[in-house]
Amino acid sequence: MSEDHTHVRDFFTARAADWDSRFPDDGPAYAAAVAGLGLREGDRVLDAGCGTGRALPPLRAAVGPSGAVLGVDLTLAMLEAAVRAGRGRDGRLLLADVAALPLRSGSLDAVFAAGLIAHLPRPAENLRELARVVRPGGVLALFHPIGRAALAARHGRQITPDDLRAEGNLGPLLAGAGWRMTSYVDEDARFLALAVREG
């Protein structure tokens, strides 16, 4: 994917208004994935590529009122849909590119990223940017509410060996970006890879 984000913005802008209604049963999967982060009261967490903010309520519940929740997305229409759904109450929403986050280094305890990796123009550099804003020992969750095979089938494709989310590809990619993968699950009902910030 090119550095030009026009395609990504156009894709999600066209789908923002009915995005949640297209995937009405994903809530429990998001909540379970957030639980996998092991967040504590008062933690600071980023939902990178937050879309309509479906992860924001469970993230807020996990960090409590003393924690900080930030949702960042590249597409204004998705953030507007998050506000309409009332999810702006669960976290601060920011129009920004995860490739260049307006955050201090080491300022977060965790990053949650649902469906993000397929849309990163330069995955190694972009994952390094996510590592930059997380303290050593902080956690990254790469999540999708369905597994790789089910997602490929939904789009009329098959999994290819160069799929970034394949365990053998993702582990080294994360390691090169400052993360150590600690858990990997790829089944029909979910994809969830957890990693810890090295350093």
Protein backbone atom coordinates (compact mmCIF):
# COMPACT_ATOMS: atom_id res chain seq x y z
CA MET A 1 0.00 0.00 0.00
CA SER A 2 1.31 3.44 -0.82
CA GLU A 3 1.93 6.21 1.68
CA ASP A 4 -1.05 7.98 0.12
CA HIS A 5 -3.91 7.22 2.50
CA THR A 6 -6.63 8.26 0.03
CA HIS A 7 -7.61 4.65 -0.71
CA VAL A 8 -7.95 3.75 2.98
CA ARG A 9 -9.93 6.90 3.75
CA ASP A 10 -12.23 6.39 0.75
CA PHE A 11 -12.80 2.72 1.66
CA PHE A 12 -13.79 3.45 5.26
CA THR A 13 -15.62 6.72 4.58
CA ALA A 14 -17.98 4.87 2.24
CA ARG A 15 -18.69 2.24 4.91
CA ALA A 16 -18.67 4.26 8.13
CA ALA A 17 -22.42 4.94 8.41
CA ASP A 18 -23.41 1.25 8.49
CA TRP A 19 -20.15 -0.30 9.72
CA ASP A 20 -21.49 -1.42 13.10
CA SER A 21 -24.71 -2.83 11.63
CA ARG A 22 -22.63 -4.99 9.26
CA PHE A 23 -20.91 -6.68 12.21
CA PRO A 24 -23.51 -6.60 15.01
CA ASP A 25 -22.23 -9.63 16.94
CA ASP A 26 -18.59 -8.60 17.42
CA GLY A 27 -18.99 -7.02 20.86
CA PRO A 28 -18.13 -10.11 22.95
CA ALA A 29 -15.05 -10.82 20.79
CA TYR A 30 -13.80 -7.26 21.34
CA ALA A 31 -14.39 -7.54 25.10
CA ALA A 32 -12.52 -10.87 25.27
CA ALA A 33 -9.59 -9.46 23.28
CA VAL A 34 -9.38 -6.42 25.56
CA ALA A 35 -9.38 -8.76 28.57
CA GLY A 36 -6.32 -10.45 27.05
CA LEU A 37 -4.34 -7.21 27.42
CA GLY A 38 -4.38 -7.54 31.21
CA LEU A 39 -5.04 -3.83 31.73
CA ARG A 40 -5.23 -2.42 35.24
CA GLU A 41 -7.02 0.48 36.85
CA GLY A 42 -5.30 3.72 35.87
CA ASP A 43 -3.52 2.37 32.77
CA ARG A 44 -3.14 4.47 29.61
CA VAL A 45 -4.22 2.69 26.43
CA LEU A 46 -4.46 3.54 22.73
CA ASP A 47 -6.97 2.04 20.31
CA ALA A 48 -4.94 2.38 17.10
CA GLY A 49 -7.18 2.56 14.04
CA CYS A 50 -10.21 2.66 16.32
CA GLY A 51 -12.79 2.99 13.55
CA THR A 52 -16.24 3.36 15.10
CA GLY A 53 -14.80 2.77 18.57
CA ARG A 54 -16.14 -0.69 19.31
CA ALA A 55 -13.19 -1.40 21.63
CA LEU A 56 -13.52 1.84 23.59
CA PRO A 57 -16.22 0.69 26.09
CA PRO A 58 -14.32 -2.45 27.19
CA LEU A 59 -11.05 -0.50 27.26
CA ARG A 60 -12.65 2.13 29.51
CA ALA A 61 -14.10 -0.59 31.76
CA ALA A 62 -10.64 -2.17 32.05
CA VAL A 63 -8.74 1.00 33.01
CA GLY A 64 -11.51 2.60 35.04
CA PRO A 65 -12.21 6.30 35.52
CA SER A 66 -8.60 7.05 36.52
CA GLY A 67 -7.21 5.53 33.32
CA ALA A 68 -6.78 7.16 29.92
CA VAL A 69 -8.30 5.82 26.70
CA LEU A 70 -7.41 7.33 23.33
CA GLY A 71 -8.91 6.28 20.01
CA VAL A 72 -6.98 7.29 16.89
CA ASP A 73 -8.19 6.87 13.34
CA LEU A 74 -7.28 8.20 9.91
CA THR A 75 -10.90 8.50 8.73
CA LEU A 76 -13.06 11.33 10.03
CA ALA A 77 -16.29 9.55 9.07
CA MET A 78 -15.41 6.60 11.31
CA LEU A 79 -14.71 8.89 14.26
CA GLU A 80 -18.02 10.68 13.63
CA ALA A 81 -19.77 7.29 13.68
CA ALA A 82 -18.05 6.55 17.01
CA VAL A 83 -19.41 9.82 18.43
CA ARG A 84 -22.93 9.06 17.14
CA ALA A 85 -22.73 5.65 18.85
CA GLY A 86 -21.88 7.39 22.14
CA ARG A 87 -18.39 5.92 22.33
CA GLY A 88 -16.73 9.31 22.61
CA ARG A 89 -17.72 9.16 26.29
CA ASP A 90 -15.40 6.18 26.79
CA GLY A 91 -12.26 7.77 25.37
CA ARG A 92 -10.78 10.76 23.64
CA LEU A 93 -11.05 10.51 19.84
CA LEU A 94 -8.31 11.91 17.64
CA LEU A 95 -7.96 12.17 13.86
CA ALA A 96 -4.37 11.06 13.31
CA ASP A 97 -2.12 8.62 11.48
CA VAL A 98 -0.73 5.73 13.53
CA ALA A 99 2.45 6.05 11.46
CA ALA A 100 3.18 9.40 13.15
CA LEU A 101 1.42 9.56 16.50
CA PRO A 102 1.26 12.92 18.30
CA LEU A 103 2.22 11.24 21.59
CA ARG A 104 5.27 11.29 23.84
CA SER A 105 7.59 8.30 23.77
CA GLY A 106 6.77 5.72 26.45
CA SER A 107 3.55 7.50 27.41
CA LEU A 108 1.24 4.45 27.13
CA ASP A 109 0.84 1.11 28.87
CA ALA A 110 -0.84 -0.68 25.98
CA VAL A 111 -2.03 -0.52 22.38
CA PHE A 112 -5.09 -2.32 21.02
CA ALA A 113 -5.27 -2.62 17.22
CA ALA A 114 -8.27 -4.28 15.58
CA GLY A 115 -7.88 -5.05 11.89
CA LEU A 116 -5.08 -2.53 11.60
CA ILE A 117 -2.09 -4.44 10.31
CA ALA A 118 -3.56 -5.09 6.85
CA HIS A 119 -3.90 -1.33 6.33
CA LEU A 120 -0.40 -0.30 7.41
CA PRO A 121 1.61 1.05 4.47
CA ARG A 122 4.97 0.17 6.07
CA PRO A 123 4.26 -2.46 8.73
CA ALA A 124 7.75 -2.67 10.25
CA GLU A 125 8.08 1.09 10.63
CA ASN A 126 4.48 1.51 11.74
CA LEU A 127 4.78 -1.17 14.43
CA ARG A 128 7.99 0.54 15.55
CA GLU A 129 6.02 3.77 15.95
CA LEU A 130 3.50 1.94 18.14
CA ALA A 131 6.43 0.60 20.18
CA ARG A 132 7.81 4.12 20.56
CA VAL A 133 4.74 5.36 22.42
CA VAL A 134 4.54 2.35 24.78
CA ARG A 135 6.68 1.96 27.91
CA PRO A 136 9.02 -1.05 28.15
CA GLY A 137 6.94 -4.00 29.35
CA GLY A 138 3.77 -2.53 27.85
CA VAL A 139 1.51 -4.66 25.70
CA LEU A 140 0.24 -4.72 22.10
CA ALA A 141 -2.84 -6.64 20.95
CA LEU A 142 -3.33 -7.24 17.23
CA PHE A 143 -6.92 -8.41 16.91
CA HIS A 144 -9.55 -9.33 14.36
CA PRO A 145 -13.00 -10.69 15.26
CA ILE A 146 -12.57 -13.55 12.79
CA GLY A 147 -9.53 -15.63 11.94
CA ARG A 148 -7.32 -15.41 8.87
CA ALA A 149 -8.97 -18.26 6.93
CA ALA A 150 -12.50 -17.02 7.61
CA LEU A 151 -11.57 -13.47 6.65
CA ALA A 152 -9.94 -14.62 3.40
CA ALA A 153 -13.00 -16.71 2.57
CA ARG A 154 -15.27 -13.72 3.24
CA HIS A 155 -13.35 -11.86 0.52
CA GLY A 156 -13.29 -14.84 -1.87
CA ARG A 157 -9.57 -15.49 -1.36
CA GLN A 158 -7.31 -18.05 0.23
CA ILE A 159 -4.54 -17.42 2.73
CA THR A 160 -1.18 -16.84 1.04
CA PRO A 161 2.26 -17.61 2.51
CA ASP A 162 3.14 -13.91 2.59
CA ASP A 163 0.19 -13.03 4.87
CA LEU A 164 1.63 -10.67 7.50
CA ARG A 165 -0.60 -12.20 10.17
CA ALA A 166 0.79 -15.73 9.72
CA GLU A 167 2.60 -16.67 12.92
CA GLY A 168 5.91 -17.29 11.13
CA ASN A 169 5.78 -13.84 9.50
CA LEU A 170 4.31 -11.85 12.38
CA GLY A 171 6.74 -12.95 15.07
CA PRO A 172 9.86 -11.71 13.26
CA LEU A 173 8.05 -8.58 12.06
CA LEU A 174 7.15 -7.68 15.64
CA ALA A 175 10.63 -8.55 16.92
CA GLY A 176 12.21 -6.20 14.39
CA ALA A 177 9.92 -3.42 15.60
CA GLY A 178 10.71 -3.74 19.31
CA TRP A 179 8.03 -6.24 20.35
CA ARG A 180 8.20 -9.85 21.58
CA MET A 181 5.18 -11.95 20.66
CA THR A 182 3.85 -13.77 23.75
CA SER A 183 0.63 -15.31 22.48
CA TYR A 184 -0.87 -16.22 19.10
CA VAL A 185 -4.40 -17.46 18.40
CA ASP A 186 -5.84 -17.87 14.90
CA GLU A 187 -9.17 -19.65 14.84
CA ASP A 188 -12.44 -19.13 12.96
CA ALA A 189 -13.95 -16.95 15.68
CA ARG A 190 -10.94 -14.68 16.31
CA PHE A 191 -7.40 -13.67 15.60
CA LEU A 192 -5.38 -12.35 18.54
CA ALA A 193 -1.64 -11.86 18.79
CA LEU A 194 -0.23 -10.37 21.97
CA ALA A 195 3.23 -8.85 22.24
CA VAL A 196 5.30 -7.15 24.95
CA ARG A 197 7.37 -4.02 24.37
CA GLU A 198 11.04 -4.90 24.68
CA GLY A 199 13.54 -2.62 26.33
